[in-house]
Amino acid sequence: MRVFVTGGTGLIGSAVVAELLGNGHTVLALARSDASALVAKAAGAEPLLGGLADLDILRAGVARADGVIHLAFTHDFSSPEAIARAVAEEGAALATLGEELAGSDRPFVAASGTPYVPGRVSTEADSVPTDGPVGGRGRAITAVLGLASRGVRSTAVRLPRTVHNQGTGGFAGFLTDIARRTGVSGYPGDGAQRWPAVHALDAAALFRLALELAPAGSSWHAVADEGDQVRDIAAVIGRRLGLPVESVPPETYGPLGPIFANDQPSSSTHTRQALGWEPTHPSLLEDLENIQP
């Protein structure tokens, strides 16, 4: 299968591209810069220069593909306005990709996030939130799944708060970056809240399985670790960096403060049973041992 991949040179995307190529597929990778194009080409993919805002380029990519995997997102969390712009950009891109795929019966796998369900572990049967700081992403992915009624084998792979590789990535990566900058490995509140996680290479395997096997309108959880307490994550970061570990104010995390404070464990039981997905790579706490002082 020839697969058009957006975000194919990031931490997750590069793993997905390698997974696809290693399993007999070819890849057309959206590349927003010449440097990204070189990375994509070196990985064995054909680069297509353009960004998420270049809707005509997205249409051209779909026209040349047997299926689409969407991973790209502008990770600017500096302000509520920046987050809103990134969410709007992605929503327009997803709508464009969906319109081009309508009626073709081709697969469309879009990255989403595991939902927050107060008081319990979330499952694949739970709906993603459509309000709050990133509610627009929930509305956009709901529309993608709705394409099942328009002749698209659309599915969502829901990623946990930390997708990691070699000690970097996701919310845990933000904690590490903040710790380096402030000299404290912090956690919000009492740190008892739980964050799910998955290794990027395991997530990549699930994206491929969804592309190949998942029925239209389905959602899947790329969750290996159901939920590590944030204070345990911070403790490893602090030990690796030689920094004190302590509670810090929610505003330390800017607009993401309320999300960081939530207890948000998640399950992948259905995903493992239905698609035969089984994570094999290091857990988050094990992988964080790769952080360099």
C-alpha atoms as a PDB file:
ATOM      1  CA  MET A   1       0.000   0.000   0.000  1.00  0.00           C
ATOM      2  CA  ARG A   2       1.188   3.523  -0.768  1.00  0.00           C
ATOM      3  CA  VAL A   3       0.540   5.564   2.360  1.00  0.00           C
ATOM      4  CA  PHE A   4       0.432   9.349   2.641  1.00  0.00           C
ATOM      5  CA  VAL A   5       1.733  10.289   6.107  1.00  0.00           C
ATOM      6  CA  THR A   6       1.514  13.730   7.686  1.00  0.00           C
ATOM      7  CA  GLY A   7       3.975  14.422  10.501  1.00  0.00           C
ATOM      8  CA  GLY A   8       6.238  11.648   9.268  1.00  0.00           C
ATOM      9  CA  THR A   9       9.518  13.062  10.586  1.00  0.00           C
ATOM     10  CA  GLY A  10       8.603  13.617  14.244  1.00  0.00           C
ATOM     11  CA  LEU A  11       9.218  11.274  17.156  1.00  0.00           C
ATOM     12  CA  ILE A  12       6.074   9.254  16.433  1.00  0.00           C
ATOM     13  CA  GLY A  13       6.015   9.796  12.682  1.00  0.00           C
ATOM     14  CA  SER A  14       9.537   8.560  12.081  1.00  0.00           C
ATOM     15  CA  ALA A  15       8.664   5.352  13.934  1.00  0.00           C
ATOM     16  CA  VAL A  16       5.473   4.962  11.883  1.00  0.00           C
ATOM     17  CA  VAL A  17       7.344   5.470   8.607  1.00  0.00           C
ATOM     18  CA  ALA A  18       9.917   2.841   9.574  1.00  0.00           C
ATOM     19  CA  GLU A  19       7.134   0.440  10.618  1.00  0.00           C
ATOM     20  CA  LEU A  20       5.326   0.885   7.309  1.00  0.00           C
ATOM     21  CA  LEU A  21       8.445   0.483   5.193  1.00  0.00           C
ATOM     22  CA  GLY A  22       9.489  -2.553   7.197  1.00  0.00           C
ATOM     23  CA  ASN A  23       6.184  -4.237   6.443  1.00  0.00           C
ATOM     24  CA  GLY A  24       6.068  -3.835   2.680  1.00  0.00           C
ATOM     25  CA  HIS A  25       4.336  -0.468   2.303  1.00  0.00           C
ATOM     26  CA  THR A  26       5.691   2.623   0.559  1.00  0.00           C
ATOM     27  CA  VAL A  27       5.413   6.107   2.068  1.00  0.00           C
ATOM     28  CA  LEU A  28       4.725   9.586   0.733  1.00  0.00           C
ATOM     29  CA  ALA A  29       5.617  11.882   3.638  1.00  0.00           C
ATOM     30  CA  LEU A  30       4.454  15.469   4.049  1.00  0.00           C
ATOM     31  CA  ALA A  31       7.534  17.585   4.813  1.00  0.00           C
ATOM     32  CA  ARG A  32       7.149  21.202   5.894  1.00  0.00           C
ATOM     33  CA  SER A  33      10.787  22.170   5.223  1.00  0.00           C
ATOM     34  CA  ASP A  34      13.759  21.178   3.104  1.00  0.00           C
ATOM     35  CA  ALA A  35      15.402  19.767   6.215  1.00  0.00           C
ATOM     36  CA  SER A  36      12.356  17.583   6.955  1.00  0.00           C
ATOM     37  CA  ALA A  37      12.312  16.461   3.332  1.00  0.00           C
ATOM     38  CA  LEU A  38      15.913  15.272   3.650  1.00  0.00           C
ATOM     39  CA  VAL A  39      15.023  13.358   6.817  1.00  0.00           C
ATOM     40  CA  ALA A  40      12.066  11.698   5.104  1.00  0.00           C
ATOM     41  CA  LYS A  41      14.134  10.760   2.083  1.00  0.00           C
ATOM     42  CA  ALA A  42      16.921   9.340   4.229  1.00  0.00           C
ATOM     43  CA  ALA A  43      14.336   7.170   5.995  1.00  0.00           C
ATOM     44  CA  GLY A  44      13.215   5.701   2.666  1.00  0.00           C
ATOM     45  CA  ALA A  45      10.057   7.776   2.118  1.00  0.00           C
ATOM     46  CA  GLU A  46       9.238  10.093  -0.766  1.00  0.00           C
ATOM     47  CA  PRO A  47       8.895  13.645   0.573  1.00  0.00           C
ATOM     48  CA  LEU A  48       6.073  15.977  -0.436  1.00  0.00           C
ATOM     49  CA  LEU A  49       6.912  19.572   0.491  1.00  0.00           C
ATOM     50  CA  GLY A  50       4.155  21.375   2.354  1.00  0.00           C
ATOM     51  CA  GLY A  51       2.513  21.918   5.709  1.00  0.00           C
ATOM     52  CA  LEU A  52      -0.889  21.277   7.274  1.00  0.00           C
ATOM     53  CA  ALA A  53      -2.089  24.692   6.125  1.00  0.00           C
ATOM     54  CA  ASP A  54      -1.296  23.874   2.468  1.00  0.00           C
ATOM     55  CA  LEU A  55      -4.643  22.299   1.651  1.00  0.00           C
ATOM     56  CA  ASP A  56      -3.927  21.874  -2.068  1.00  0.00           C
ATOM     57  CA  ILE A  57      -0.770  19.938  -1.188  1.00  0.00           C
ATOM     58  CA  LEU A  58      -2.823  17.697   1.111  1.00  0.00           C
ATOM     59  CA  ARG A  59      -5.254  17.030  -1.722  1.00  0.00           C
ATOM     60  CA  ALA A  60      -2.357  16.131  -4.010  1.00  0.00           C
ATOM     61  CA  GLY A  61      -0.979  13.748  -1.422  1.00  0.00           C
ATOM     62  CA  VAL A  62      -4.294  11.938  -1.056  1.00  0.00           C
ATOM     63  CA  ALA A  63      -4.595  11.620  -4.831  1.00  0.00           C
ATOM     64  CA  ARG A  64      -1.303   9.703  -4.905  1.00  0.00           C
ATOM     65  CA  ALA A  65      -2.058   7.359  -2.023  1.00  0.00           C
ATOM     66  CA  ASP A  66      -3.925   4.148  -1.208  1.00  0.00           C
ATOM     67  CA  GLY A  67      -4.370   5.243   2.395  1.00  0.00           C
ATOM     68  CA  VAL A  68      -3.609   8.112   4.792  1.00  0.00           C
ATOM     69  CA  ILE A  69      -2.125   8.314   8.289  1.00  0.00           C
ATOM     70  CA  HIS A  70      -2.414  11.711   9.961  1.00  0.00           C
ATOM     71  CA  LEU A  71       0.058  12.562  12.743  1.00  0.00           C
ATOM     72  CA  ALA A  72       1.015  16.215  12.226  1.00  0.00           C
ATOM     73  CA  PHE A  73       0.193  18.883  14.805  1.00  0.00           C
ATOM     74  CA  THR A  74       1.792  22.233  15.617  1.00  0.00           C
ATOM     75  CA  HIS A  75       2.994  21.759  19.197  1.00  0.00           C
ATOM     76  CA  ASP A  76       2.818  25.372  20.321  1.00  0.00           C
ATOM     77  CA  PHE A  77       1.360  25.416  23.831  1.00  0.00           C
ATOM     78  CA  SER A  78       2.699  28.855  24.755  1.00  0.00           C
ATOM     79  CA  SER A  79      -0.731  30.464  25.061  1.00  0.00           C
ATOM     80  CA  PRO A  80      -4.440  29.644  24.695  1.00  0.00           C
ATOM     81  CA  GLU A  81      -4.402  31.550  21.405  1.00  0.00           C
ATOM     82  CA  ALA A  82      -1.514  29.468  20.049  1.00  0.00           C
ATOM     83  CA  ILE A  83      -3.290  26.269  21.021  1.00  0.00           C
ATOM     84  CA  ALA A  84      -6.497  27.466  19.335  1.00  0.00           C
ATOM     85  CA  ARG A  85      -4.601  28.227  16.119  1.00  0.00           C
ATOM     86  CA  ALA A  86      -2.979  24.792  16.093  1.00  0.00           C
ATOM     87  CA  VAL A  87      -6.306  23.061  16.721  1.00  0.00           C
ATOM     88  CA  ALA A  88      -8.025  25.057  13.958  1.00  0.00           C
ATOM     89  CA  GLU A  89      -5.213  24.310  11.514  1.00  0.00           C
ATOM     90  CA  GLU A  90      -5.442  20.595  12.200  1.00  0.00           C
ATOM     91  CA  GLY A  91      -9.227  20.612  11.950  1.00  0.00           C
ATOM     92  CA  ALA A  92      -9.130  22.193   8.495  1.00  0.00           C
ATOM     93  CA  ALA A  93      -6.488  19.693   7.383  1.00  0.00           C
ATOM     94  CA  LEU A  94      -8.504  16.711   8.617  1.00  0.00           C
ATOM     95  CA  ALA A  95     -11.640  17.999   6.875  1.00  0.00           C
ATOM     96  CA  THR A  96      -9.701  18.389   3.627  1.00  0.00           C
ATOM     97  CA  LEU A  97      -8.169  14.933   3.820  1.00  0.00           C
ATOM     98  CA  GLY A  98     -11.583  13.440   4.570  1.00  0.00           C
ATOM     99  CA  GLU A  99     -13.281  15.169   1.645  1.00  0.00           C
ATOM    100  CA  GLU A 100     -10.637  13.871  -0.749  1.00  0.00           C
ATOM    101  CA  LEU A 101     -11.030  10.328   0.575  1.00  0.00           C
ATOM    102  CA  ALA A 102     -14.852  10.282   0.553  1.00  0.00           C
ATOM    103  CA  GLY A 103     -16.344   7.466  -1.498  1.00  0.00           C
ATOM    104  CA  SER A 104     -13.013   5.725  -2.082  1.00  0.00           C
ATOM    105  CA  ASP A 105     -13.120   3.021   0.648  1.00  0.00           C
ATOM    106  CA  ARG A 106      -9.492   3.849   1.416  1.00  0.00           C
ATOM    107  CA  PRO A 107      -8.192   3.740   5.010  1.00  0.00           C
ATOM    108  CA  PHE A 108      -7.745   6.978   6.952  1.00  0.00           C
ATOM    109  CA  VAL A 109      -6.029   6.637  10.332  1.00  0.00           C
ATOM    110  CA  ALA A 110      -5.900   9.786  12.440  1.00  0.00           C
ATOM    111  CA  ALA A 111      -4.039  10.367  15.697  1.00  0.00           C
ATOM    112  CA  SER A 112      -6.184  11.360  18.644  1.00  0.00           C
ATOM    113  CA  GLY A 113      -5.803  11.345  22.423  1.00  0.00           C
ATOM    114  CA  THR A 114      -7.050   9.027  25.130  1.00  0.00           C
ATOM    115  CA  PRO A 115     -10.070  10.576  26.866  1.00  0.00           C
ATOM    116  CA  TYR A 116     -10.173  11.795  30.440  1.00  0.00           C
ATOM    117  CA  VAL A 117     -12.973  10.113  32.379  1.00  0.00           C
ATOM    118  CA  PRO A 118     -13.325  11.330  35.985  1.00  0.00           C
ATOM    119  CA  GLY A 119     -13.068   8.580  38.562  1.00  0.00           C
ATOM    120  CA  ARG A 120     -12.065   5.660  36.374  1.00  0.00           C
ATOM    121  CA  VAL A 121      -9.810   4.274  33.679  1.00  0.00           C
ATOM    122  CA  SER A 122     -10.895   5.309  30.177  1.00  0.00           C
ATOM    123  CA  THR A 123     -11.551   2.715  27.474  1.00  0.00           C
ATOM    124  CA  GLU A 124     -11.967   2.637  23.724  1.00  0.00           C
ATOM    125  CA  ALA A 125     -15.746   2.891  24.208  1.00  0.00           C
ATOM    126  CA  ASP A 126     -15.482   6.344  25.804  1.00  0.00           C
ATOM    127  CA  SER A 127     -15.957   9.456  23.701  1.00  0.00           C
ATOM    128  CA  VAL A 128     -13.215  12.040  23.370  1.00  0.00           C
ATOM    129  CA  PRO A 129     -14.007  15.452  24.908  1.00  0.00           C
ATOM    130  CA  THR A 130     -15.350  18.111  22.570  1.00  0.00           C
ATOM    131  CA  ASP A 131     -14.971  21.070  24.928  1.00  0.00           C
ATOM    132  CA  GLY A 132     -12.125  22.590  26.915  1.00  0.00           C
ATOM    133  CA  PRO A 133      -8.727  23.851  25.671  1.00  0.00           C
ATOM    134  CA  VAL A 134      -8.381  21.189  22.971  1.00  0.00           C
ATOM    135  CA  GLY A 135     -12.050  20.341  22.451  1.00  0.00           C
ATOM    136  CA  GLY A 136     -11.701  21.271  18.796  1.00  0.00           C
ATOM    137  CA  ARG A 137      -9.471  18.234  18.316  1.00  0.00           C
ATOM    138  CA  GLY A 138     -12.236  16.050  19.714  1.00  0.00           C
ATOM    139  CA  ARG A 139     -14.776  17.544  17.336  1.00  0.00           C
ATOM    140  CA  ALA A 140     -12.432  17.082  14.380  1.00  0.00           C
ATOM    141  CA  ILE A 141     -11.693  13.429  15.161  1.00  0.00           C
ATOM    142  CA  THR A 142     -15.408  12.754  15.682  1.00  0.00           C
ATOM    143  CA  ALA A 143     -15.987  14.100  12.173  1.00  0.00           C
ATOM    144  CA  VAL A 144     -13.237  11.829  10.849  1.00  0.00           C
ATOM    145  CA  LEU A 145     -14.921   8.781  12.354  1.00  0.00           C
ATOM    146  CA  GLY A 146     -18.194   9.954  10.828  1.00  0.00           C
ATOM    147  CA  LEU A 147     -16.628   9.526   7.395  1.00  0.00           C
ATOM    148  CA  ALA A 148     -17.367   5.815   7.797  1.00  0.00           C
ATOM    149  CA  SER A 149     -20.834   6.614   6.443  1.00  0.00           C
ATOM    150  CA  ARG A 150     -19.289   8.284   3.384  1.00  0.00           C
ATOM    151  CA  GLY A 151     -17.164   5.458   2.077  1.00  0.00           C
ATOM    152  CA  VAL A 152     -13.979   5.990   4.099  1.00  0.00           C
ATOM    153  CA  ARG A 153     -12.426   3.325   6.334  1.00  0.00           C
ATOM    154  CA  SER A 154     -11.695   5.963   8.936  1.00  0.00           C
ATOM    155  CA  THR A 155     -10.250   5.052  12.336  1.00  0.00           C
ATOM    156  CA  ALA A 156      -8.636   6.838  15.273  1.00  0.00           C
ATOM    157  CA  VAL A 157      -5.540   5.745  17.163  1.00  0.00           C
ATOM    158  CA  ARG A 158      -5.729   7.451  20.541  1.00  0.00           C
ATOM    159  CA  LEU A 159      -2.331   8.268  21.956  1.00  0.00           C
ATOM    160  CA  PRO A 160      -1.636   8.616  25.697  1.00  0.00           C
ATOM    161  CA  ARG A 161      -0.179  11.725  27.314  1.00  0.00           C
ATOM    162  CA  THR A 162       3.370  10.468  26.845  1.00  0.00           C
ATOM    163  CA  VAL A 163       4.690   8.776  23.715  1.00  0.00           C
ATOM    164  CA  HIS A 164       8.367   8.259  24.419  1.00  0.00           C
ATOM    165  CA  ASN A 165      11.611   6.977  22.942  1.00  0.00           C
ATOM    166  CA  GLN A 166      15.065   7.125  24.529  1.00  0.00           C
ATOM    167  CA  GLY A 167      13.771   9.173  27.450  1.00  0.00           C
ATOM    168  CA  THR A 168      12.174  11.948  25.400  1.00  0.00           C
ATOM    169  CA  GLY A 169       8.673  12.834  24.229  1.00  0.00           C
ATOM    170  CA  GLY A 170       5.203  13.720  25.455  1.00  0.00           C
ATOM    171  CA  PHE A 171       4.158  15.152  28.801  1.00  0.00           C
ATOM    172  CA  ALA A 172       7.104  13.469  30.531  1.00  0.00           C
ATOM    173  CA  GLY A 173       9.356  15.254  28.057  1.00  0.00           C
ATOM    174  CA  PHE A 174       7.754  18.572  29.070  1.00  0.00           C
ATOM    175  CA  LEU A 175       8.486  17.763  32.712  1.00  0.00           C
ATOM    176  CA  THR A 176      12.114  17.089  31.807  1.00  0.00           C
ATOM    177  CA  ASP A 177      12.436  20.327  29.831  1.00  0.00           C
ATOM    178  CA  ILE A 178      10.902  22.361  32.670  1.00  0.00           C
ATOM    179  CA  ALA A 179      13.170  20.644  35.204  1.00  0.00           C
ATOM    180  CA  ARG A 180      16.272  21.557  33.191  1.00  0.00           C
ATOM    181  CA  ARG A 181      15.087  25.154  32.919  1.00  0.00           C
ATOM    182  CA  THR A 182      13.987  25.706  36.520  1.00  0.00           C
ATOM    183  CA  GLY A 183      16.338  23.445  38.459  1.00  0.00           C
ATOM    184  CA  VAL A 184      13.434  21.529  40.052  1.00  0.00           C
ATOM    185  CA  SER A 185      11.841  18.279  38.905  1.00  0.00           C
ATOM    186  CA  GLY A 186       8.272  19.212  39.678  1.00  0.00           C
ATOM    187  CA  TYR A 187       4.818  17.678  39.655  1.00  0.00           C
ATOM    188  CA  PRO A 188       1.406  19.322  40.036  1.00  0.00           C
ATOM    189  CA  GLY A 189      -0.500  18.939  43.295  1.00  0.00           C
ATOM    190  CA  ASP A 190       0.371  15.832  45.281  1.00  0.00           C
ATOM    191  CA  GLY A 191       1.600  14.038  42.164  1.00  0.00           C
ATOM    192  CA  ALA A 192      -0.769  11.106  42.659  1.00  0.00           C
ATOM    193  CA  GLN A 193      -2.473  11.674  39.318  1.00  0.00           C
ATOM    194  CA  ARG A 194      -1.730   9.014  36.709  1.00  0.00           C
ATOM    195  CA  TRP A 195      -0.620   9.457  33.111  1.00  0.00           C
ATOM    196  CA  PRO A 196      -0.750   6.644  30.557  1.00  0.00           C
ATOM    197  CA  ALA A 197       2.199   6.112  28.212  1.00  0.00           C
ATOM    198  CA  VAL A 198       3.504   4.100  25.251  1.00  0.00           C
ATOM    199  CA  HIS A 199       6.828   3.650  23.504  1.00  0.00           C
ATOM    200  CA  ALA A 200       6.855   5.261  20.044  1.00  0.00           C
ATOM    201  CA  LEU A 201       7.822   1.978  18.380  1.00  0.00           C
ATOM    202  CA  ASP A 202       4.845   0.204  19.937  1.00  0.00           C
ATOM    203  CA  ALA A 203       2.527   3.052  18.902  1.00  0.00           C
ATOM    204  CA  ALA A 204       3.857   2.764  15.350  1.00  0.00           C
ATOM    205  CA  ALA A 205       2.910  -0.903  15.213  1.00  0.00           C
ATOM    206  CA  LEU A 206      -0.659  -0.019  16.186  1.00  0.00           C
ATOM    207  CA  PHE A 207      -0.928   2.636  13.473  1.00  0.00           C
ATOM    208  CA  ARG A 208       0.071   0.013  10.913  1.00  0.00           C
ATOM    209  CA  LEU A 209      -2.411  -2.532  12.268  1.00  0.00           C
ATOM    210  CA  ALA A 210      -5.196   0.057  12.174  1.00  0.00           C
ATOM    211  CA  LEU A 211      -4.308   0.932   8.584  1.00  0.00           C
ATOM    212  CA  GLU A 212      -4.360  -2.701   7.534  1.00  0.00           C
ATOM    213  CA  LEU A 213      -7.145  -4.195   9.636  1.00  0.00           C
ATOM    214  CA  ALA A 214      -9.354  -1.762  11.544  1.00  0.00           C
ATOM    215  CA  PRO A 215     -13.016  -1.450  10.538  1.00  0.00           C
ATOM    216  CA  ALA A 216     -14.503   1.917   9.642  1.00  0.00           C
ATOM    217  CA  GLY A 217     -15.533   4.148  12.510  1.00  0.00           C
ATOM    218  CA  SER A 218     -13.404   2.414  15.149  1.00  0.00           C
ATOM    219  CA  SER A 219     -11.165   3.854  17.876  1.00  0.00           C
ATOM    220  CA  TRP A 220      -8.094   2.215  19.405  1.00  0.00           C
ATOM    221  CA  HIS A 221      -5.889   2.896  22.409  1.00  0.00           C
ATOM    222  CA  ALA A 222      -2.108   2.933  21.984  1.00  0.00           C
ATOM    223  CA  VAL A 223      -1.592   2.462  25.726  1.00  0.00           C
ATOM    224  CA  ALA A 224       1.183   0.287  27.142  1.00  0.00           C
ATOM    225  CA  ASP A 225       1.345   1.746  30.676  1.00  0.00           C
ATOM    226  CA  GLU A 226      -2.151   2.300  32.074  1.00  0.00           C
ATOM    227  CA  GLY A 227      -0.989   5.096  34.329  1.00  0.00           C
ATOM    228  CA  ASP A 228       2.180   6.039  36.217  1.00  0.00           C
ATOM    229  CA  GLN A 229       1.858   8.520  39.067  1.00  0.00           C
ATOM    230  CA  VAL A 230       3.350  11.840  38.025  1.00  0.00           C
ATOM    231  CA  ARG A 231       5.456  12.077  41.181  1.00  0.00           C
ATOM    232  CA  ASP A 232       7.094   8.759  40.202  1.00  0.00           C
ATOM    233  CA  ILE A 233       7.843  10.179  36.748  1.00  0.00           C
ATOM    234  CA  ALA A 234       9.281  13.334  38.316  1.00  0.00           C
ATOM    235  CA  ALA A 235      11.359  11.236  40.718  1.00  0.00           C
ATOM    236  CA  VAL A 236      13.162   9.464  37.879  1.00  0.00           C
ATOM    237  CA  ILE A 237      13.703  12.754  36.060  1.00  0.00           C
ATOM    238  CA  GLY A 238      15.061  14.370  39.218  1.00  0.00           C
ATOM    239  CA  ARG A 239      17.410  11.478  39.913  1.00  0.00           C
ATOM    240  CA  ARG A 240      18.735  11.424  36.351  1.00  0.00           C
ATOM    241  CA  LEU A 241      19.290  15.208  36.337  1.00  0.00           C
ATOM    242  CA  GLY A 242      20.504  15.465  39.936  1.00  0.00           C
ATOM    243  CA  LEU A 243      17.670  17.863  40.855  1.00  0.00           C
ATOM    244  CA  PRO A 244      15.274  18.131  43.817  1.00  0.00           C
ATOM    245  CA  VAL A 245      11.809  16.661  43.331  1.00  0.00           C
ATOM    246  CA  GLU A 246       8.843  18.628  44.690  1.00  0.00           C
ATOM    247  CA  SER A 247       5.331  19.881  44.038  1.00  0.00           C
ATOM    248  CA  VAL A 248       5.116  23.046  41.925  1.00  0.00           C
ATOM    249  CA  PRO A 249       2.222  25.441  41.161  1.00  0.00           C
ATOM    250  CA  PRO A 250      -0.090  24.554  38.238  1.00  0.00           C
ATOM    251  CA  GLU A 251       0.880  27.776  36.445  1.00  0.00           C
ATOM    252  CA  THR A 252       4.340  26.240  35.973  1.00  0.00           C
ATOM    253  CA  TYR A 253       2.796  24.380  33.040  1.00  0.00           C
ATOM    254  CA  GLY A 254       1.094  27.362  31.424  1.00  0.00           C
ATOM    255  CA  PRO A 255      -2.151  26.683  29.517  1.00  0.00           C
ATOM    256  CA  LEU A 256      -1.673  22.928  30.004  1.00  0.00           C
ATOM    257  CA  GLY A 257      -1.800  23.225  33.809  1.00  0.00           C
ATOM    258  CA  PRO A 258      -5.406  21.971  34.193  1.00  0.00           C
ATOM    259  CA  ILE A 259      -4.717  18.999  31.911  1.00  0.00           C
ATOM    260  CA  PHE A 260      -1.485  18.146  33.713  1.00  0.00           C
ATOM    261  CA  ALA A 261      -3.353  18.071  37.037  1.00  0.00           C
ATOM    262  CA  ASN A 262      -5.920  15.483  35.908  1.00  0.00           C
ATOM    263  CA  ASP A 263      -5.847  11.824  36.868  1.00  0.00           C
ATOM    264  CA  GLN A 264      -6.249  10.236  33.441  1.00  0.00           C
ATOM    265  CA  PRO A 265      -5.373   6.504  33.341  1.00  0.00           C
ATOM    266  CA  SER A 266      -6.394   4.582  30.232  1.00  0.00           C
ATOM    267  CA  SER A 267      -6.826   0.958  29.144  1.00  0.00           C
ATOM    268  CA  SER A 268      -6.004  -0.814  25.863  1.00  0.00           C
ATOM    269  CA  THR A 269      -7.606  -4.182  26.648  1.00  0.00           C
ATOM    270  CA  HIS A 270      -9.994  -4.091  23.692  1.00  0.00           C
ATOM    271  CA  THR A 271      -7.258  -2.932  21.299  1.00  0.00           C
ATOM    272  CA  ARG A 272      -4.996  -5.812  22.291  1.00  0.00           C
ATOM    273  CA  GLN A 273      -7.748  -8.391  21.980  1.00  0.00           C
ATOM    274  CA  ALA A 274      -9.253  -7.150  18.711  1.00  0.00           C
ATOM    275  CA  LEU A 275      -6.127  -6.233  16.748  1.00  0.00           C
ATOM    276  CA  GLY A 276      -3.568  -8.522  18.392  1.00  0.00           C
ATOM    277  CA  TRP A 277      -1.429  -5.549  19.382  1.00  0.00           C
ATOM    278  CA  GLU A 278       1.066  -6.249  22.142  1.00  0.00           C
ATOM    279  CA  PRO A 279       3.614  -3.659  23.334  1.00  0.00           C
ATOM    280  CA  THR A 280       7.142  -5.054  23.600  1.00  0.00           C
ATOM    281  CA  HIS A 281       9.348  -2.015  24.202  1.00  0.00           C
ATOM    282  CA  PRO A 282      10.450  -0.410  27.511  1.00  0.00           C
ATOM    283  CA  SER A 283       7.907   1.197  29.817  1.00  0.00           C
ATOM    284  CA  LEU A 284       8.026   4.941  30.459  1.00  0.00           C
ATOM    285  CA  LEU A 285       9.801   4.665  33.819  1.00  0.00           C
ATOM    286  CA  GLU A 286      12.363   2.310  32.274  1.00  0.00           C
ATOM    287  CA  ASP A 287      12.860   4.542  29.238  1.00  0.00           C
ATOM    288  CA  LEU A 288      13.366   7.665  31.362  1.00  0.00           C
ATOM    289  CA  GLU A 289      16.589   6.064  32.588  1.00  0.00           C
ATOM    290  CA  ASN A 290      17.983   7.173  29.193  1.00  0.00           C
ATOM    291  CA  ILE A 291      17.777  10.857  30.204  1.00  0.00           C
ATOM    292  CA  GLN A 292      21.261  12.334  30.087  1.00  0.00           C
ATOM    293  CA  PRO A 293      22.317  14.581  32.988  1.00  0.00           C
END
